[in-house]
Protein backbone atom coordinates (compact mmCIF):
# COMPACT_ATOMS: atom_id res chain seq x y z
CA MET A 1 -12.38 18.74 9.22
CA PRO A 2 -13.03 17.75 5.89
CA LYS A 3 -16.98 17.08 4.84
CA ILE A 4 -18.11 14.38 2.57
CA HIS A 5 -20.72 14.91 0.55
CA TYR A 6 -20.83 11.77 -1.01
CA VAL A 7 -18.53 8.92 -1.38
CA GLU A 8 -18.27 5.58 -2.97
CA PHE A 9 -16.13 2.40 -3.38
CA ASP A 10 -16.48 0.06 -5.94
CA ALA A 11 -18.52 2.08 -8.31
CA THR A 12 -19.18 0.10 -11.48
CA HIS A 13 -20.35 1.83 -14.74
CA PRO A 14 -21.49 0.51 -17.93
CA ASP A 15 -18.87 1.28 -20.95
CA ASP A 16 -20.91 4.18 -22.36
CA PHE A 17 -20.32 6.15 -18.81
CA GLU A 18 -19.55 9.74 -19.09
CA PHE A 19 -18.75 12.20 -16.45
CA SER A 20 -18.89 15.73 -17.56
CA ILE A 21 -18.82 18.90 -15.47
CA PRO A 22 -17.54 22.02 -17.41
CA GLU A 23 -17.74 24.41 -14.42
CA GLY A 24 -16.70 21.80 -11.90
CA HIS A 25 -18.21 21.09 -8.98
CA ASN A 26 -18.23 23.77 -5.74
CA ALA A 27 -16.38 21.08 -3.98
CA TRP A 28 -13.37 18.99 -4.20
CA LEU A 29 -13.60 15.67 -6.20
CA LEU A 30 -11.08 12.75 -5.70
CA VAL A 31 -11.21 9.93 -8.03
CA GLN A 32 -9.57 6.39 -8.05
CA THR A 33 -9.65 4.11 -10.86
CA GLN A 34 -9.82 0.46 -10.69
CA THR A 35 -10.17 -0.01 -14.58
CA ALA A 36 -8.49 2.24 -17.41
CA ALA A 37 -10.66 5.67 -18.13
CA LEU A 38 -10.23 8.28 -20.37
CA PHE A 39 -9.77 11.86 -18.93
CA GLU A 40 -9.56 15.39 -20.49
CA VAL A 41 -5.89 16.92 -19.57
CA ASP A 42 -5.19 20.35 -20.72
CA GLY A 43 -7.92 20.03 -23.92
CA GLU A 44 -6.94 16.58 -24.76
CA LEU A 45 -8.58 13.19 -24.17
CA LYS A 46 -6.14 10.49 -22.57
CA GLU A 47 -6.19 7.06 -21.70
CA PHE A 48 -5.24 6.62 -18.40
CA PRO A 49 -4.39 3.19 -17.07
CA ALA A 50 -5.97 1.57 -14.01
CA HIS A 51 -4.90 2.34 -10.65
CA SER A 52 -4.62 6.17 -11.50
CA VAL A 53 -6.01 8.76 -9.24
CA ILE A 54 -7.10 12.35 -9.92
CA LEU A 55 -7.69 15.47 -7.84
CA TYR A 56 -10.16 18.23 -8.77
CA PRO A 57 -10.34 21.53 -6.59
CA PRO A 58 -13.68 23.41 -6.52
CA LYS A 59 -14.64 25.42 -10.14
CA HIS A 60 -12.30 23.03 -12.13
CA LYS A 61 -13.40 21.52 -15.05
CA ILE A 62 -14.44 17.55 -14.86
CA TYR A 63 -14.33 15.12 -17.64
CA TYR A 64 -13.76 11.50 -17.76
CA ARG A 65 -15.36 8.35 -19.24
CA ALA A 66 -15.06 4.84 -19.52
CA CYS A 67 -13.05 2.85 -22.25
CA SER A 68 -13.67 -0.71 -21.19
CA LYS A 69 -16.50 -2.61 -21.15
CA ASN A 70 -17.26 -1.78 -17.11
CA TYR A 71 -15.76 1.18 -15.54
CA ILE A 72 -14.91 0.71 -11.62
CA ASN A 73 -13.57 3.50 -9.44
CA ASP A 74 -13.49 4.64 -5.55
CA TRP A 75 -14.50 8.72 -5.41
CA VAL A 76 -15.51 11.07 -2.99
CA ARG A 77 -16.93 15.03 -3.27
CA PHE A 78 -15.75 16.89 -0.08
CA ASP A 79 -15.63 20.18 1.51
CA ALA A 80 -12.08 21.25 3.33
CA ASP A 81 -10.19 23.96 4.18
CA GLU A 82 -7.15 22.12 5.76
CA SER A 83 -3.70 23.16 4.26
CA TYR A 84 -2.80 19.50 3.80
CA ILE A 85 -5.64 19.52 1.23
CA THR A 86 -5.76 23.11 0.17
CA GLU A 87 -2.22 23.66 -0.46
CA THR A 88 -1.61 20.20 -1.47
CA VAL A 89 1.57 19.12 -3.72
CA LEU A 90 -0.47 16.68 -5.67
CA PRO A 91 -0.85 17.19 -9.37
CA ILE A 92 -4.32 19.01 -9.93
CA GLY A 93 -6.53 17.79 -12.94
CA ILE A 94 -3.92 15.09 -13.70
CA PRO A 95 -4.20 11.72 -12.91
CA PHE A 96 -0.82 9.81 -11.77
CA SER A 97 -0.35 5.78 -10.77
CA LEU A 98 -0.66 4.73 -7.08
CA PRO A 99 2.37 2.40 -5.98
CA ASP A 100 -0.29 0.60 -3.65
CA PRO A 101 -3.73 0.91 -4.94
CA SER A 102 -5.26 -1.63 -2.54
CA TYR A 103 -4.11 0.52 0.49
CA CYS A 104 -5.77 3.57 -0.51
CA HIS A 105 -9.14 1.36 -1.87
CA GLN A 106 -9.35 0.29 1.70
CA LEU A 107 -9.47 3.83 2.92
CA PHE A 108 -12.07 4.46 0.67
CA GLN A 109 -14.34 1.65 2.33
CA LEU A 110 -13.31 2.93 5.41
CA LEU A 111 -14.43 6.70 4.69
CA THR A 112 -17.94 5.11 3.27
CA LEU A 113 -18.70 3.32 6.58
CA GLU A 114 -17.73 5.99 8.76
CA HIS A 115 -19.87 8.54 6.58
CA THR A 116 -22.72 6.19 6.36
CA PHE A 117 -22.77 5.48 10.18
CA GLN A 118 -23.50 8.15 12.88
CA ASN A 119 -20.67 6.84 15.21
CA ASP A 120 -19.57 8.91 18.27
CA TYR A 121 -15.97 9.72 16.76
CA ARG A 122 -17.37 9.86 12.95
CA GLU A 123 -16.07 13.21 12.40
CA LEU A 124 -12.44 12.52 13.93
CA SER A 125 -12.66 9.17 12.00
CA ILE A 126 -13.22 10.72 8.87
CA ASP A 127 -10.49 13.45 9.43
CA TYR A 128 -7.97 10.91 10.46
CA LEU A 129 -8.79 8.92 7.35
CA PHE A 130 -8.36 11.83 4.87
CA ARG A 131 -4.96 12.72 6.35
CA ILE A 132 -3.59 8.96 6.03
CA LEU A 133 -5.20 9.12 2.55
CA PHE A 134 -3.38 12.42 1.40
CA ASN A 135 -0.36 11.34 3.01
CA LYS A 136 -0.26 8.10 1.03
CA LEU A 137 -1.15 9.80 -2.21
CA CYS A 138 1.62 12.38 -1.64
CA GLU A 139 4.43 9.50 -1.23
CA ALA A 140 2.86 8.06 -4.38
CA SER A 141 5.43 8.25 -7.40
CA GLN A 142 4.43 10.07 -10.37
CA ASP A 143 6.28 8.23 -12.75
CA LYS A 144 4.97 5.73 -15.05
CA LEU A 145 5.40 2.45 -13.21
CA SER A 146 6.41 -0.93 -14.86
CA PRO A 147 3.76 -3.41 -16.09
CA LYS A 148 4.95 -5.87 -13.94
CA TYR A 149 4.82 -3.26 -10.85
CA TYR A 150 1.89 -4.41 -9.15
CA ASN A 151 2.41 -8.26 -9.84
CA LEU A 152 5.73 -7.59 -7.75
CA LEU A 153 4.20 -5.42 -4.95
CA ASN A 154 1.77 -8.42 -4.63
CA LEU A 155 4.56 -10.65 -4.21
CA ARG A 156 6.16 -8.51 -1.78
CA LYS A 157 3.02 -8.33 0.28
CA ALA A 158 3.05 -12.06 0.39
CA LEU A 159 6.63 -11.99 1.73
CA TYR A 160 5.89 -10.14 4.44
CA ASN A 161 2.82 -11.39 5.23
CA ASN A 162 4.41 -14.88 5.84
CA PRO A 163 7.98 -14.84 6.26
CA GLY A 164 7.95 -18.37 7.36
CA HIS A 165 7.00 -19.99 4.15
CA PRO A 166 10.11 -21.71 2.76
CA TRP A 167 10.62 -18.97 -0.13
CA THR A 168 13.20 -19.39 -2.35
CA VAL A 169 13.94 -17.54 -5.76
CA SER A 170 12.43 -20.21 -7.97
CA LEU A 171 9.30 -20.50 -6.03
CA MET A 172 8.71 -16.51 -6.19
CA ALA A 173 9.54 -16.71 -10.08
CA GLU A 174 6.98 -19.33 -10.29
CA TYR A 175 4.64 -17.10 -8.42
CA LEU A 176 5.14 -14.53 -10.96
CA HIS A 177 5.41 -16.80 -14.22
CA ILE A 178 8.92 -15.40 -15.02
CA SER A 179 12.22 -16.66 -15.05
CA ALA A 180 14.12 -16.67 -11.59
CA GLY A 181 16.76 -14.19 -13.45
CA TYR A 182 14.14 -11.91 -14.64
CA LEU A 183 12.54 -11.68 -11.20
CA GLN A 184 16.16 -10.78 -9.49
CA THR A 185 16.74 -8.14 -11.74
CA ILE A 186 13.53 -6.41 -11.66
CA TYR A 187 12.70 -6.92 -8.01
CA LYS A 188 16.16 -5.42 -7.19
CA SER A 189 15.54 -2.43 -9.49
CA THR A 190 11.93 -1.69 -8.02
CA PHE A 191 12.66 -2.01 -3.99
CA GLY A 192 16.22 -1.29 -4.18
CA ILE A 193 16.55 -4.60 -2.74
CA SER A 194 17.17 -8.23 -3.93
CA CYS A 195 14.23 -10.69 -3.36
CA MET A 196 16.19 -13.31 -0.96
CA GLU A 197 17.63 -10.20 1.19
CA ASP A 198 13.89 -9.04 1.35
CA VAL A 199 13.22 -12.60 2.53
CA ILE A 200 15.71 -12.45 5.31
CA HIS A 201 14.92 -9.22 6.42
CA CYS A 202 11.16 -10.50 6.96
CA ARG A 203 12.34 -13.75 8.51
CA ILE A 204 14.31 -11.74 11.32
CA ARG A 205 11.86 -9.17 11.91
CA LEU A 206 9.65 -12.14 12.65
CA ALA A 207 12.66 -13.69 14.82
CA LYS A 208 12.95 -10.38 16.98
CA GLU A 209 9.16 -10.39 17.43
CA LYS A 210 9.30 -13.76 19.13
CA LEU A 211 12.73 -13.34 20.70
CA GLY A 212 10.79 -10.44 22.34
CA PHE A 213 7.39 -11.33 23.21
CA GLY A 214 6.83 -15.03 22.80
CA PRO A 215 7.53 -18.33 24.92
CA HIS A 216 9.48 -20.21 21.98
CA LYS A 217 13.18 -21.22 22.41
CA ILE A 218 15.69 -20.08 20.05
CA ALA A 219 15.47 -23.51 17.92
CA GLU A 220 11.81 -23.34 17.78
CA ILE A 221 12.12 -19.55 16.40
CA ALA A 222 14.30 -20.63 13.64
CA THR A 223 12.00 -23.49 12.69
CA ILE A 224 9.02 -20.83 12.62
CA CYS A 225 11.00 -18.29 10.87
CA SER A 226 11.73 -21.28 7.87
CA TYR A 227 15.26 -22.01 8.71
CA ALA A 228 16.58 -25.75 8.33
CA ASN A 229 19.01 -25.40 11.35
CA VAL A 230 19.54 -23.02 14.27
CA GLU A 231 23.09 -22.42 13.45
CA HIS A 232 22.10 -20.77 9.86
CA PHE A 233 19.46 -18.89 11.81
CA CYS A 234 21.98 -17.58 14.53
CA ARG A 235 24.29 -16.67 11.77
CA GLN A 236 21.90 -14.48 9.96
CA PHE A 237 20.50 -12.93 12.89
CA ARG A 238 23.76 -11.83 14.01
CA GLN A 239 24.83 -10.40 10.59
CA LEU A 240 21.78 -7.96 10.37
CA THR A 241 21.37 -7.18 14.15
CA GLY A 242 24.83 -7.41 15.47
CA ASP A 243 23.78 -9.50 18.24
CA SER A 244 23.10 -13.42 18.86
CA PRO A 245 19.57 -14.16 19.14
CA ARG A 246 20.66 -15.13 22.98
CA ALA A 247 22.06 -11.62 23.22
CA TYR A 248 19.38 -9.63 21.99
CA ARG A 249 16.76 -11.74 24.09
CA GLU A 250 18.78 -10.83 27.12
CA LYS A 251 18.97 -7.17 26.18
CA LEU A 252 15.13 -6.78 25.79
CA ALA A 253 14.62 -8.72 29.13
CA SER A 254 17.10 -6.13 30.90
CA LYS A 255 15.64 -3.24 29.14
CA GLU A 256 11.94 -4.01 29.51
CA GLN A 257 12.14 -5.49 33.02
CA ILE A 258 10.25 -8.63 31.73
CA PRO A 259 10.67 -12.01 33.56
CA GLN A 260 13.52 -13.66 31.59
CA MET A 261 12.30 -16.14 28.93
CA GLU A 262 13.62 -19.59 28.59
CA LEU A 263 16.67 -19.78 26.12
């Protein structure tokens, strides 16, 4: 299991901050930036944007410094002999952008808490958190992300977190302070689905949960999912699932052998 020497999140440094270990550490170092920073890569000092991550193995030269008023990062120094770390496909000593930095930031927070407190399952929890963190890093695109990406990601999170909101293209465009046409273009190119199709998928996902595990009538579920009328809801539900809401509920009731809900 990975052994943490030290871990920190939201570490804030002054504008003259510089971290230089020419011979490298005797341990691994993983850094996630929240602000832009300068990193030495292949002998050259280059600026990388916020939400970058870099992995240094033991004995690897380390150099990075602030390039703004405050430099903020999350970081962990650790030992490891697990193959998912020692044989990682991640680039070594080269920063790359994270598609979802807030997710990884939360993992750093959890690692810090687990490392700080002596809980019964501390080592096992740290091991699981490292595995999740490296899984997310391996999923991360190493291509340069567009300047609008993080705003789009926050919008998409808002959709999935509140599918019952009366979302429209105009409302989502206003959320990002861009035109409706531009939103539809960049949303589709980024996520492979149009923004309104994404909304519909979120609503049907919520409807399936309510149909299977709630006391609501179908008309009530239509309202919860922000449909103006039950007919529109039933039509879209059938288009995406192949069943009517009633048939879907009956199938679940039969499969799970749960008491039949009121239809």
